[in-house]
Amino acid sequence: ERVAAVVVPRAGSAVVEADLAAWARERLGGLKAPAPLVFRDELPTGPTGKVLKRAVRAELEAPST
């Protein structure tokens, strides 16, 4: 399995993918740092407000076209 990160930036923040990747490699090491960094406006949540991890995994595993 590969480590991935789905990032939801706070309103008004300017997150640069390269800076975030470098920050993760510096603190986690090469193998543990997330390879794909995916930026989203929001995460899918269920009726209770919890993040639907299955939906996030399915989105990341789907072939990109």
PDB file of N, CA and C in Angstrom:
ATOM      1  N   GLU A   1       0.836  -1.182   0.000  1.00  0.00           N
ATOM      2  CA  GLU A   1       0.000   0.000   0.000  1.00  0.00           C
ATOM      3  C   GLU A   1       0.875   1.237   0.000  1.00  0.00           C
ATOM      4  N   ARG A   2       0.365   2.265  -0.619  1.00  0.00           N
ATOM      5  CA  ARG A   2       1.055   3.550  -0.634  1.00  0.00           C
ATOM      6  C   ARG A   2       0.356   4.498   0.327  1.00  0.00           C
ATOM      7  N   VAL A   3       1.127   5.394   0.867  1.00  0.00           N
ATOM      8  CA  VAL A   3       0.568   6.411   1.756  1.00  0.00           C
ATOM      9  C   VAL A   3       0.127   7.587   0.898  1.00  0.00           C
ATOM     10  N   ALA A   4      -1.110   8.012   1.105  1.00  0.00           N
ATOM     11  CA  ALA A   4      -1.640   9.161   0.377  1.00  0.00           C
ATOM     12  C   ALA A   4      -2.184  10.162   1.384  1.00  0.00           C
ATOM     13  N   ALA A   5      -2.315  11.397   0.956  1.00  0.00           N
ATOM     14  CA  ALA A   5      -2.886  12.428   1.815  1.00  0.00           C
ATOM     15  C   ALA A   5      -3.921  13.209   1.026  1.00  0.00           C
ATOM     16  N   VAL A   6      -5.085  13.359   1.613  1.00  0.00           N
ATOM     17  CA  VAL A   6      -6.122  14.217   1.047  1.00  0.00           C
ATOM     18  C   VAL A   6      -6.151  15.463   1.920  1.00  0.00           C
ATOM     19  N   VAL A   7      -5.874  16.595   1.317  1.00  0.00           N
ATOM     20  CA  VAL A   7      -5.692  17.842   2.049  1.00  0.00           C
ATOM     21  C   VAL A   7      -6.869  18.773   1.785  1.00  0.00           C
ATOM     22  N   VAL A   8      -7.430  19.301   2.861  1.00  0.00           N
ATOM     23  CA  VAL A   8      -8.478  20.318   2.763  1.00  0.00           C
ATOM     24  C   VAL A   8      -7.896  21.580   3.407  1.00  0.00           C
ATOM     25  N   PRO A   9      -7.429  22.515   2.582  1.00  0.00           N
ATOM     26  CA  PRO A   9      -6.834  23.731   3.149  1.00  0.00           C
ATOM     27  C   PRO A   9      -7.878  24.593   3.853  1.00  0.00           C
ATOM     28  N   ARG A  10      -7.453  25.280   4.874  1.00  0.00           N
ATOM     29  CA  ARG A  10      -8.328  26.222   5.565  1.00  0.00           C
ATOM     30  C   ARG A  10      -8.623  27.394   4.645  1.00  0.00           C
ATOM     31  N   ALA A  11      -9.752  28.014   4.870  1.00  0.00           N
ATOM     32  CA  ALA A  11     -10.137  29.164   4.048  1.00  0.00           C
ATOM     33  C   ALA A  11      -9.097  30.272   4.183  1.00  0.00           C
ATOM     34  N   GLY A  12      -8.666  30.783   3.060  1.00  0.00           N
ATOM     35  CA  GLY A  12      -7.711  31.875   3.065  1.00  0.00           C
ATOM     36  C   GLY A  12      -6.259  31.460   3.136  1.00  0.00           C
ATOM     37  N   SER A  13      -5.973  30.170   3.295  1.00  0.00           N
ATOM     38  CA  SER A  13      -4.583  29.737   3.366  1.00  0.00           C
ATOM     39  C   SER A  13      -4.078  29.394   1.968  1.00  0.00           C
ATOM     40  N   ALA A  14      -2.815  29.605   1.777  1.00  0.00           N
ATOM     41  CA  ALA A  14      -2.177  29.307   0.493  1.00  0.00           C
ATOM     42  C   ALA A  14      -1.195  28.158   0.711  1.00  0.00           C
ATOM     43  N   VAL A  15      -1.650  26.949   0.467  1.00  0.00           N
ATOM     44  CA  VAL A  15      -0.807  25.769   0.648  1.00  0.00           C
ATOM     45  C   VAL A  15      -0.209  25.404  -0.701  1.00  0.00           C
ATOM     46  N   VAL A  16       1.103  25.268  -0.736  1.00  0.00           N
ATOM     47  CA  VAL A  16       1.803  24.875  -1.951  1.00  0.00           C
ATOM     48  C   VAL A  16       2.155  23.401  -1.821  1.00  0.00           C
ATOM     49  N   GLU A  17       1.802  22.627  -2.846  1.00  0.00           N
ATOM     50  CA  GLU A  17       2.007  21.176  -2.795  1.00  0.00           C
ATOM     51  C   GLU A  17       3.466  20.816  -2.545  1.00  0.00           C
ATOM     52  N   ALA A  18       4.387  21.486  -3.201  1.00  0.00           N
ATOM     53  CA  ALA A  18       5.814  21.178  -3.033  1.00  0.00           C
ATOM     54  C   ALA A  18       6.273  21.438  -1.599  1.00  0.00           C
ATOM     55  N   ASP A  19       5.801  22.516  -1.000  1.00  0.00           N
ATOM     56  CA  ASP A  19       6.176  22.834   0.381  1.00  0.00           C
ATOM     57  C   ASP A  19       5.629  21.796   1.350  1.00  0.00           C
ATOM     58  N   LEU A  20       4.393  21.375   1.132  1.00  0.00           N
ATOM     59  CA  LEU A  20       3.770  20.378   1.995  1.00  0.00           C
ATOM     60  C   LEU A  20       4.473  19.026   1.859  1.00  0.00           C
ATOM     61  N   ALA A  21       4.840  18.648   0.648  1.00  0.00           N
ATOM     62  CA  ALA A  21       5.550  17.388   0.419  1.00  0.00           C
ATOM     63  C   ALA A  21       6.921  17.419   1.089  1.00  0.00           C
ATOM     64  N   ALA A  22       7.624  18.527   0.975  1.00  0.00           N
ATOM     65  CA  ALA A  22       8.935  18.662   1.617  1.00  0.00           C
ATOM     66  C   ALA A  22       8.809  18.602   3.130  1.00  0.00           C
ATOM     67  N   TRP A  23       7.775  19.248   3.681  1.00  0.00           N
ATOM     68  CA  TRP A  23       7.539  19.225   5.126  1.00  0.00           C
ATOM     69  C   TRP A  23       7.315  17.787   5.601  1.00  0.00           C
ATOM     70  N   ALA A  24       6.518  17.017   4.858  1.00  0.00           N
ATOM     71  CA  ALA A  24       6.223  15.636   5.241  1.00  0.00           C
ATOM     72  C   ALA A  24       7.464  14.760   5.135  1.00  0.00           C
ATOM     73  N   ARG A  25       8.240  14.912   4.066  1.00  0.00           N
ATOM     74  CA  ARG A  25       9.466  14.103   3.916  1.00  0.00           C
ATOM     75  C   ARG A  25      10.453  14.402   5.024  1.00  0.00           C
ATOM     76  N   GLU A  26      10.539  15.664   5.419  1.00  0.00           N
ATOM     77  CA  GLU A  26      11.472  16.078   6.468  1.00  0.00           C
ATOM     78  C   GLU A  26      11.112  15.450   7.812  1.00  0.00           C
ATOM     79  N   ARG A  27       9.824  15.366   8.106  1.00  0.00           N
ATOM     80  CA  ARG A  27       9.388  14.878   9.417  1.00  0.00           C
ATOM     81  C   ARG A  27       9.097  13.378   9.452  1.00  0.00           C
ATOM     82  N   LEU A  28       8.723  12.807   8.317  1.00  0.00           N
ATOM     83  CA  LEU A  28       8.312  11.402   8.301  1.00  0.00           C
ATOM     84  C   LEU A  28       9.321  10.476   7.631  1.00  0.00           C
ATOM     85  N   GLY A  29      10.161  10.993   6.799  1.00  0.00           N
ATOM     86  CA  GLY A  29      11.080  10.149   6.049  1.00  0.00           C
ATOM     87  C   GLY A  29      10.494   9.829   4.683  1.00  0.00           C
ATOM     88  N   GLY A  30      11.339   9.337   3.790  1.00  0.00           N
ATOM     89  CA  GLY A  30      10.939   9.116   2.411  1.00  0.00           C
ATOM     90  C   GLY A  30       9.823   8.114   2.209  1.00  0.00           C
ATOM     91  N   LEU A  31       9.875   6.962   2.894  1.00  0.00           N
ATOM     92  CA  LEU A  31       8.878   5.923   2.659  1.00  0.00           C
ATOM     93  C   LEU A  31       7.539   6.207   3.327  1.00  0.00           C
ATOM     94  N   LYS A  32       7.553   6.939   4.426  1.00  0.00           N
ATOM     95  CA  LYS A  32       6.313   7.204   5.150  1.00  0.00           C
ATOM     96  C   LYS A  32       5.602   8.466   4.660  1.00  0.00           C
ATOM     97  N   ALA A  33       6.296   9.296   3.921  1.00  0.00           N
ATOM     98  CA  ALA A  33       5.692  10.535   3.423  1.00  0.00           C
ATOM     99  C   ALA A  33       4.663  10.199   2.351  1.00  0.00           C
ATOM    100  N   PRO A  34       3.533  10.886   2.338  1.00  0.00           N
ATOM    101  CA  PRO A  34       2.503  10.595   1.337  1.00  0.00           C
ATOM    102  C   PRO A  34       2.996  10.936  -0.061  1.00  0.00           C
ATOM    103  N   ALA A  35       2.817   9.975  -0.970  1.00  0.00           N
ATOM    104  CA  ALA A  35       3.258  10.186  -2.351  1.00  0.00           C
ATOM    105  C   ALA A  35       2.258  11.059  -3.109  1.00  0.00           C
ATOM    106  N   PRO A  36       1.010  10.653  -3.214  1.00  0.00           N
ATOM    107  CA  PRO A  36       0.077  11.584  -3.848  1.00  0.00           C
ATOM    108  C   PRO A  36      -0.536  12.512  -2.802  1.00  0.00           C
ATOM    109  N   LEU A  37      -0.452  13.791  -3.064  1.00  0.00           N
ATOM    110  CA  LEU A  37      -1.133  14.793  -2.248  1.00  0.00           C
ATOM    111  C   LEU A  37      -2.313  15.286  -3.073  1.00  0.00           C
ATOM    112  N   VAL A  38      -3.509  15.025  -2.580  1.00  0.00           N
ATOM    113  CA  VAL A  38      -4.724  15.379  -3.307  1.00  0.00           C
ATOM    114  C   VAL A  38      -5.410  16.505  -2.550  1.00  0.00           C
ATOM    115  N   PHE A  39      -5.689  17.594  -3.239  1.00  0.00           N
ATOM    116  CA  PHE A  39      -6.347  18.738  -2.618  1.00  0.00           C
ATOM    117  C   PHE A  39      -7.833  18.711  -2.957  1.00  0.00           C
ATOM    118  N   ARG A  40      -8.661  18.891  -1.933  1.00  0.00           N
ATOM    119  CA  ARG A  40     -10.120  18.907  -2.085  1.00  0.00           C
ATOM    120  C   ARG A  40     -10.697  20.091  -1.322  1.00  0.00           C
ATOM    121  N   ASP A  41     -11.887  20.497  -1.725  1.00  0.00           N
ATOM    122  CA  ASP A  41     -12.583  21.569  -1.012  1.00  0.00           C
ATOM    123  C   ASP A  41     -13.183  21.059   0.289  1.00  0.00           C
ATOM    124  N   GLU A  42     -13.603  19.790   0.289  1.00  0.00           N
ATOM    125  CA  GLU A  42     -14.166  19.175   1.497  1.00  0.00           C
ATOM    126  C   GLU A  42     -14.048  17.666   1.383  1.00  0.00           C
ATOM    127  N   LEU A  43     -14.140  16.999   2.526  1.00  0.00           N
ATOM    128  CA  LEU A  43     -14.103  15.542   2.573  1.00  0.00           C
ATOM    129  C   LEU A  43     -15.529  15.013   2.643  1.00  0.00           C
ATOM    130  N   PRO A  44     -15.769  13.827   2.072  1.00  0.00           N
ATOM    131  CA  PRO A  44     -17.119  13.256   2.170  1.00  0.00           C
ATOM    132  C   PRO A  44     -17.399  12.841   3.612  1.00  0.00           C
ATOM    133  N   THR A  45     -18.571  13.216   4.099  1.00  0.00           N
ATOM    134  CA  THR A  45     -18.944  12.867   5.463  1.00  0.00           C
ATOM    135  C   THR A  45     -20.294  12.174   5.473  1.00  0.00           C
ATOM    136  N   GLY A  46     -20.508  11.383   6.508  1.00  0.00           N
ATOM    137  CA  GLY A  46     -21.772  10.684   6.689  1.00  0.00           C
ATOM    138  C   GLY A  46     -22.746  11.536   7.482  1.00  0.00           C
ATOM    139  N   PRO A  47     -23.898  10.973   7.808  1.00  0.00           N
ATOM    140  CA  PRO A  47     -24.917  11.713   8.548  1.00  0.00           C
ATOM    141  C   PRO A  47     -24.460  12.169   9.939  1.00  0.00           C
ATOM    142  N   THR A  48     -23.486  11.462  10.528  1.00  0.00           N
ATOM    143  CA  THR A  48     -23.009  11.842  11.859  1.00  0.00           C
ATOM    144  C   THR A  48     -21.860  12.839  11.801  1.00  0.00           C
ATOM    145  N   GLY A  49     -21.394  13.171  10.587  1.00  0.00           N
ATOM    146  CA  GLY A  49     -20.311  14.130  10.443  1.00  0.00           C
ATOM    147  C   GLY A  49     -18.934  13.507  10.362  1.00  0.00           C
ATOM    148  N   LYS A  50     -18.849  12.189  10.472  1.00  0.00           N
ATOM    149  CA  LYS A  50     -17.554  11.520  10.376  1.00  0.00           C
ATOM    150  C   LYS A  50     -17.134  11.418   8.911  1.00  0.00           C
ATOM    151  N   VAL A  51     -15.815  11.436   8.692  1.00  0.00           N
ATOM    152  CA  VAL A  51     -15.283  11.304   7.344  1.00  0.00           C
ATOM    153  C   VAL A  51     -15.508   9.876   6.864  1.00  0.00           C
ATOM    154  N   LEU A  52     -16.019   9.746   5.644  1.00  0.00           N
ATOM    155  CA  LEU A  52     -16.245   8.428   5.045  1.00  0.00           C
ATOM    156  C   LEU A  52     -14.944   7.962   4.389  1.00  0.00           C
ATOM    157  N   LYS A  53     -14.150   7.231   5.164  1.00  0.00           N
ATOM    158  CA  LYS A  53     -12.839   6.798   4.692  1.00  0.00           C
ATOM    159  C   LYS A  53     -12.948   5.881   3.486  1.00  0.00           C
ATOM    160  N   ARG A  54     -14.010   5.062   3.449  1.00  0.00           N
ATOM    161  CA  ARG A  54     -14.186   4.170   2.291  1.00  0.00           C
ATOM    162  C   ARG A  54     -14.355   4.981   1.013  1.00  0.00           C
ATOM    163  N   ALA A  55     -15.082   6.062   1.077  1.00  0.00           N
ATOM    164  CA  ALA A  55     -15.297   6.906  -0.098  1.00  0.00           C
ATOM    165  C   ALA A  55     -13.994   7.569  -0.536  1.00  0.00           C
ATOM    166  N   VAL A  56     -13.193   7.988   0.425  1.00  0.00           N
ATOM    167  CA  VAL A  56     -11.908   8.610   0.105  1.00  0.00           C
ATOM    168  C   VAL A  56     -10.995   7.581  -0.544  1.00  0.00           C
ATOM    169  N   ARG A  57     -10.916   6.372   0.034  1.00  0.00           N
ATOM    170  CA  ARG A  57     -10.084   5.310  -0.556  1.00  0.00           C
ATOM    171  C   ARG A  57     -10.542   4.956  -1.961  1.00  0.00           C
ATOM    172  N   ALA A  58     -11.853   4.851  -2.140  1.00  0.00           N
ATOM    173  CA  ALA A  58     -12.384   4.494  -3.463  1.00  0.00           C
ATOM    174  C   ALA A  58     -12.017   5.567  -4.488  1.00  0.00           C
ATOM    175  N   GLU A  59     -12.072   6.811  -4.083  1.00  0.00           N
ATOM    176  CA  GLU A  59     -11.701   7.903  -4.995  1.00  0.00           C
ATOM    177  C   GLU A  59     -10.228   7.825  -5.366  1.00  0.00           C
ATOM    178  N   LEU A  60      -9.388   7.520  -4.397  1.00  0.00           N
ATOM    179  CA  LEU A  60      -7.952   7.448  -4.670  1.00  0.00           C
ATOM    180  C   LEU A  60      -7.578   6.221  -5.496  1.00  0.00           C
ATOM    181  N   GLU A  61      -8.320   5.132  -5.327  1.00  0.00           N
ATOM    182  CA  GLU A  61      -8.024   3.890  -6.053  1.00  0.00           C
ATOM    183  C   GLU A  61      -8.606   3.880  -7.458  1.00  0.00           C
ATOM    184  N   ALA A  62      -9.579   4.747  -7.725  1.00  0.00           N
ATOM    185  CA  ALA A  62     -10.202   4.782  -9.047  1.00  0.00           C
ATOM    186  C   ALA A  62      -9.198   5.225 -10.083  1.00  0.00           C
ATOM    187  N   PRO A  63      -9.210   4.589 -11.253  1.00  0.00           N
ATOM    188  CA  PRO A  63      -8.274   5.013 -12.296  1.00  0.00           C
ATOM    189  C   PRO A  63      -8.609   6.420 -12.767  1.00  0.00           C
ATOM    190  N   SER A  64      -7.586   7.243 -12.876  1.00  0.00           N
ATOM    191  CA  SER A  64      -7.813   8.616 -13.306  1.00  0.00           C
ATOM    192  C   SER A  64      -7.839   8.666 -14.831  1.00  0.00           C
ATOM    193  N   THR A  65      -8.781   9.419 -15.355  1.00  0.00           N
ATOM    194  CA  THR A  65      -8.898   9.515 -16.821  1.00  0.00           C
ATOM    195  C   THR A  65      -8.677  10.916 -17.284  1.00  0.00           C
TER     196      THR A  65
END
